[in-house]
Each structure stands twice: as C-alpha cells, then as structure tokens.
C-alpha cells in the first residue's frame, strides 16, 4: 500500500525528475534523488556542496585517472563500483580563498 504522506519533490541533482527518495544531510535539509540520477552514479562521481547546494558531476574513469595522490586514488578506485553521492563541506564557488588556505600544508624542517 503506498504511503500517502510522502510527496513527490524535484530531484536535487538534475532538477527534472520527481521522487520521494531522499536523505537528510544537514539537519532540516533534505536531498532528493531520482532513479535516473541514482543510475548515473554507476559511471559518475556526484558531489553536493552542503553549504550552497552546487552539484558537481564527473566521470569516474577520468576522475580516478587524474588523481595524483596514491592513497586518494586507491580510495576512489575502491569506491568505483559503488553508487554514492558525496557531500562537500564547502565548494570552490562558496569561498575559493578559504578552500585554498585549507589546502596549504605547513612545512617543517627536519632536524638531526
């Protein structure tokens, strides 16, 4: 028996499909995902900025190929067969300067 309390909402990814499938990523903010976008995760990584809601979709093969860090490449390779949509705390559109500041690594001199 269908649940009559669930309403169809537009997909947060493609904005075209309607669905009741959702998750609550941040308290009170629901992300709706239609079946076609779930199927798209077979071949694409999908990231959602949890700050502004911007959507980033990149092909899995191209993304993994372009990762230089060995550990990060290994992690994404292990996730290549999974259907996942990942949340980003902040994207480059939200605050590009802060993002790059967070990427700076403090270098310390080794002493013998």
C-alpha atoms as a PDB file:
ATOM      1  CA  UNK A   1       0.000   0.000   0.000  1.00  0.00           C
ATOM      2  CA  UNK A   2       1.514   3.376  -0.986  1.00  0.00           C
ATOM      3  CA  UNK A   3       2.383   5.872   1.709  1.00  0.00           C
ATOM      4  CA  UNK A   4       0.083   8.830   1.044  1.00  0.00           C
ATOM      5  CA  UNK A   5       2.040  11.142   3.352  1.00  0.00           C
ATOM      6  CA  UNK A   6       5.049  11.162   1.021  1.00  0.00           C
ATOM      7  CA  UNK A   7       5.001  13.879  -1.604  1.00  0.00           C
ATOM      8  CA  UNK A   8       6.946  13.959  -4.840  1.00  0.00           C
ATOM      9  CA  UNK A   9       9.725  16.528  -4.788  1.00  0.00           C
ATOM     10  CA  UNK A  10      12.058  17.631  -7.608  1.00  0.00           C
ATOM     11  CA  UNK A  11      15.413  15.844  -7.782  1.00  0.00           C
ATOM     12  CA  UNK A  12      18.175  17.900  -6.152  1.00  0.00           C
ATOM     13  CA  UNK A  13      20.681  16.672  -8.768  1.00  0.00           C
ATOM     14  CA  UNK A  14      19.017  17.006 -12.198  1.00  0.00           C
ATOM     15  CA  UNK A  15      16.056  19.214 -11.191  1.00  0.00           C
ATOM     16  CA  UNK A  16      13.925  17.347 -13.802  1.00  0.00           C
ATOM     17  CA  UNK A  17      12.757  14.128 -12.170  1.00  0.00           C
ATOM     18  CA  UNK A  18      10.434  13.848  -9.201  1.00  0.00           C
ATOM     19  CA  UNK A  19      10.931  11.402  -6.348  1.00  0.00           C
ATOM     20  CA  UNK A  20      10.214  10.587  -2.723  1.00  0.00           C
ATOM     21  CA  UNK A  21      13.713   9.108  -2.230  1.00  0.00           C
ATOM     22  CA  UNK A  22      15.681  11.460  -0.016  1.00  0.00           C
ATOM     23  CA  UNK A  23      18.229  11.795   2.741  1.00  0.00           C
ATOM     24  CA  UNK A  24      18.748  14.448   5.347  1.00  0.00           C
ATOM     25  CA  UNK A  25      22.371  15.537   5.094  1.00  0.00           C
ATOM     26  CA  UNK A  26      22.231  18.533   7.416  1.00  0.00           C
ATOM     27  CA  UNK A  27      19.500  18.924   9.980  1.00  0.00           C
ATOM     28  CA  UNK A  28      16.400  20.061   8.123  1.00  0.00           C
ATOM     29  CA  UNK A  29      17.936  19.985   4.623  1.00  0.00           C
ATOM     30  CA  UNK A  30      16.686  17.081   2.530  1.00  0.00           C
ATOM     31  CA  UNK A  31      18.375  15.984  -0.689  1.00  0.00           C
ATOM     32  CA  UNK A  32      16.035  14.262  -3.162  1.00  0.00           C
ATOM     33  CA  UNK A  33      17.498  11.875  -5.740  1.00  0.00           C
ATOM     34  CA  UNK A  34      15.527  10.419  -8.676  1.00  0.00           C
ATOM     35  CA  UNK A  35      16.152   6.929 -10.044  1.00  0.00           C
ATOM     36  CA  UNK A  36      17.924   8.175 -13.176  1.00  0.00           C
ATOM     37  CA  UNK A  37      20.441  10.138 -11.052  1.00  0.00           C
ATOM     38  CA  UNK A  38      20.988   7.094  -8.855  1.00  0.00           C
ATOM     39  CA  UNK A  39      21.719   5.109 -12.034  1.00  0.00           C
ATOM     40  CA  UNK A  40      24.094   7.875 -13.189  1.00  0.00           C
ATOM     41  CA  UNK A  41      26.256   7.157 -10.138  1.00  0.00           C
ATOM     42  CA  UNK A  42      27.352   3.884 -11.785  1.00  0.00           C
ATOM     43  CA  UNK A  43      29.605   5.876 -14.130  1.00  0.00           C
ATOM     44  CA  UNK A  44      29.944   9.258 -12.427  1.00  0.00           C
ATOM     45  CA  UNK A  45      31.033  10.658  -9.101  1.00  0.00           C
ATOM     46  CA  UNK A  46      28.451  13.146  -7.841  1.00  0.00           C
ATOM     47  CA  UNK A  47      29.334  15.693  -5.173  1.00  0.00           C
ATOM     48  CA  UNK A  48      26.909  18.102  -3.491  1.00  0.00           C
ATOM     49  CA  UNK A  49      28.140  21.186  -1.670  1.00  0.00           C
ATOM     50  CA  UNK A  50      26.396  21.148   1.699  1.00  0.00           C
ATOM     51  CA  UNK A  51      26.954  24.878   2.009  1.00  0.00           C
ATOM     52  CA  UNK A  52      25.369  26.225  -1.218  1.00  0.00           C
ATOM     53  CA  UNK A  53      23.831  23.139  -2.883  1.00  0.00           C
ATOM     54  CA  UNK A  54      26.001  23.280  -6.033  1.00  0.00           C
ATOM     55  CA  UNK A  55      26.207  19.924  -7.849  1.00  0.00           C
ATOM     56  CA  UNK A  56      29.421  18.553  -9.371  1.00  0.00           C
ATOM     57  CA  UNK A  57      29.294  15.514 -11.682  1.00  0.00           C
ATOM     58  CA  UNK A  58      32.496  13.970 -13.042  1.00  0.00           C
ATOM     59  CA  UNK A  59      33.110  10.659 -14.883  1.00  0.00           C
ATOM     60  CA  UNK A  60      34.621   8.063 -12.556  1.00  0.00           C
ATOM     61  CA  UNK A  61      37.275   6.867 -15.014  1.00  0.00           C
ATOM     62  CA  UNK A  62      38.523  10.386 -15.761  1.00  0.00           C
ATOM     63  CA  UNK A  63      38.487  11.424 -12.103  1.00  0.00           C
ATOM     64  CA  UNK A  64      40.473   8.397 -10.939  1.00  0.00           C
ATOM     65  CA  UNK A  65      42.941   8.787 -13.811  1.00  0.00           C
ATOM     66  CA  UNK A  66      43.676  12.423 -12.853  1.00  0.00           C
ATOM     67  CA  UNK A  67      44.283  11.852  -9.124  1.00  0.00           C
ATOM     68  CA  UNK A  68      47.983  12.119  -8.299  1.00  0.00           C
ATOM     69  CA  UNK A  69      47.852  11.201  -4.600  1.00  0.00           C
ATOM     70  CA  UNK A  70      48.283   7.413  -4.258  1.00  0.00           C
ATOM     71  CA  UNK A  71      46.111   6.985  -1.140  1.00  0.00           C
ATOM     72  CA  UNK A  72      43.293   9.118  -2.536  1.00  0.00           C
ATOM     73  CA  UNK A  73      43.420   7.256  -5.865  1.00  0.00           C
ATOM     74  CA  UNK A  74      43.272   3.945  -4.007  1.00  0.00           C
ATOM     75  CA  UNK A  75      40.222   5.102  -2.017  1.00  0.00           C
ATOM     76  CA  UNK A  76      38.346   6.319  -5.094  1.00  0.00           C
ATOM     77  CA  UNK A  77      39.255   3.154  -7.017  1.00  0.00           C
ATOM     78  CA  UNK A  78      37.689   1.074  -4.249  1.00  0.00           C
ATOM     79  CA  UNK A  79      34.524   3.218  -4.491  1.00  0.00           C
ATOM     80  CA  UNK A  80      34.324   2.974  -8.292  1.00  0.00           C
ATOM     81  CA  UNK A  81      31.753   0.153  -8.223  1.00  0.00           C
ATOM     82  CA  UNK A  82      29.558   1.810  -5.594  1.00  0.00           C
ATOM     83  CA  UNK A  83      26.604   4.086  -6.197  1.00  0.00           C
ATOM     84  CA  UNK A  84      27.479   7.026  -3.983  1.00  0.00           C
ATOM     85  CA  UNK A  85      26.692  10.711  -3.790  1.00  0.00           C
ATOM     86  CA  UNK A  86      29.177  12.559  -1.629  1.00  0.00           C
ATOM     87  CA  UNK A  87      28.718  15.741   0.353  1.00  0.00           C
ATOM     88  CA  UNK A  88      31.289  18.531   0.371  1.00  0.00           C
ATOM     89  CA  UNK A  89      31.548  20.845   3.362  1.00  0.00           C
ATOM     90  CA  UNK A  90      32.411  23.746   1.075  1.00  0.00           C
ATOM     91  CA  UNK A  91      32.967  24.037  -2.666  1.00  0.00           C
ATOM     92  CA  UNK A  92      35.217  26.377  -4.594  1.00  0.00           C
ATOM     93  CA  UNK A  93      32.203  28.531  -5.546  1.00  0.00           C
ATOM     94  CA  UNK A  94      31.383  29.259  -1.890  1.00  0.00           C
ATOM     95  CA  UNK A  95      34.734  30.666  -0.828  1.00  0.00           C
ATOM     96  CA  UNK A  96      37.693  29.950  -3.130  1.00  0.00           C
ATOM     97  CA  UNK A  97      40.223  31.729  -0.922  1.00  0.00           C
ATOM     98  CA  UNK A  98      39.308  29.763   2.194  1.00  0.00           C
ATOM     99  CA  UNK A  99      39.428  26.492   0.259  1.00  0.00           C
ATOM    100  CA  UNK A 100      42.944  27.177  -0.966  1.00  0.00           C
ATOM    101  CA  UNK A 101      44.045  28.319   2.501  1.00  0.00           C
ATOM    102  CA  UNK A 102      42.896  24.987   3.896  1.00  0.00           C
ATOM    103  CA  UNK A 103      44.994  23.164   1.314  1.00  0.00           C
ATOM    104  CA  UNK A 104      48.259  24.814   2.311  1.00  0.00           C
ATOM    105  CA  UNK A 105      50.483  22.399   4.142  1.00  0.00           C
ATOM    106  CA  UNK A 106      52.819  23.686   6.785  1.00  0.00           C
ATOM    107  CA  UNK A 107      56.341  22.562   6.033  1.00  0.00           C
ATOM    108  CA  UNK A 108      58.696  21.947   8.912  1.00  0.00           C
ATOM    109  CA  UNK A 109      62.428  21.479   8.716  1.00  0.00           C
ATOM    110  CA  UNK A 110      63.794  18.173   9.850  1.00  0.00           C
ATOM    111  CA  UNK A 111      66.494  18.313  12.483  1.00  0.00           C
ATOM    112  CA  UNK A 112      69.074  15.632  13.095  1.00  0.00           C
END
